[in-house]
Protein backbone atom coordinates (compact mmCIF):
# COMPACT_ATOMS: atom_id res chain seq x y z
CA UNK A 1 -27.16 7.28 -41.22
CA UNK A 2 -29.28 10.35 -40.53
CA UNK A 3 -31.94 8.19 -38.90
CA UNK A 4 -29.33 6.69 -36.57
CA UNK A 5 -28.03 10.14 -35.64
CA UNK A 6 -31.57 11.33 -34.94
CA UNK A 7 -32.32 8.28 -32.80
CA UNK A 8 -29.06 8.71 -30.87
CA UNK A 9 -29.92 12.35 -30.19
CA UNK A 10 -33.34 11.30 -28.87
CA UNK A 11 -31.78 8.65 -26.65
CA UNK A 12 -29.14 11.07 -25.34
CA UNK A 13 -31.80 13.67 -24.52
CA UNK A 14 -33.87 11.09 -22.63
CA UNK A 15 -30.80 9.78 -20.81
CA UNK A 16 -29.77 13.29 -19.76
CA UNK A 17 -33.21 13.94 -18.26
CA UNK A 18 -33.29 10.57 -16.50
CA UNK A 19 -29.79 10.93 -15.08
CA UNK A 20 -30.61 14.40 -13.72
CA UNK A 21 -33.66 12.96 -11.94
CA UNK A 22 -31.58 10.10 -10.48
CA UNK A 23 -28.92 12.54 -9.29
CA UNK A 24 -31.49 14.80 -7.62
CA UNK A 25 -33.15 11.81 -5.92
CA UNK A 26 -29.79 10.60 -4.62
CA UNK A 27 -28.92 14.04 -3.28
CA UNK A 28 -32.29 14.34 -1.52
CA UNK A 29 -31.90 10.88 0.02
CA UNK A 30 -28.39 11.64 1.26
CA UNK A 31 -29.58 14.96 2.66
CA UNK A 32 -32.36 13.24 4.59
CA UNK A 33 -29.98 10.61 5.97
CA UNK A 34 -27.49 13.28 6.96
CA UNK A 35 -30.17 15.18 8.87
CA UNK A 36 -31.22 12.00 10.67
CA UNK A 37 -27.65 11.14 11.66
CA UNK A 38 -25.93 14.29 12.97
CA UNK A 39 -22.85 12.35 14.17
CA UNK A 40 -22.29 10.61 10.82
CA UNK A 41 -19.35 12.88 9.97
CA UNK A 42 -17.31 11.79 12.97
CA UNK A 43 -16.81 13.22 16.41
CA UNK A 44 -19.37 10.79 17.73
CA UNK A 45 -19.73 9.57 21.28
CA UNK A 46 -17.91 6.28 20.64
CA UNK A 47 -15.03 5.56 23.00
CA UNK A 48 -12.34 4.27 20.64
CA UNK A 49 -8.83 3.32 21.76
CA UNK A 50 -5.95 2.69 19.37
CA UNK A 51 -3.69 -0.05 20.73
CA UNK A 52 -0.69 -2.11 19.67
CA UNK A 53 -0.30 -5.74 20.58
CA UNK A 54 2.30 -8.45 20.28
CA UNK A 55 1.42 -12.07 19.66
CA UNK A 56 3.26 -14.42 22.01
CA UNK A 57 3.73 -17.98 20.74
CA UNK A 58 4.26 -20.62 23.36
CA UNK A 59 6.74 -23.42 22.55
CA UNK A 60 5.51 -26.80 23.76
């Protein structure tokens, strides 16, 4: 049982280090994409119109 606990501790330590590296890489990637796309947060130059419509069915 002690060997299993020791192995689990080793695995958890390795997983913690790996997950920190993955998190940092994701944050850096998102930061680079955000810098490349300044209008990504909204307020862009798109001309968007919100409209309502009614479907008219023709009887034949």
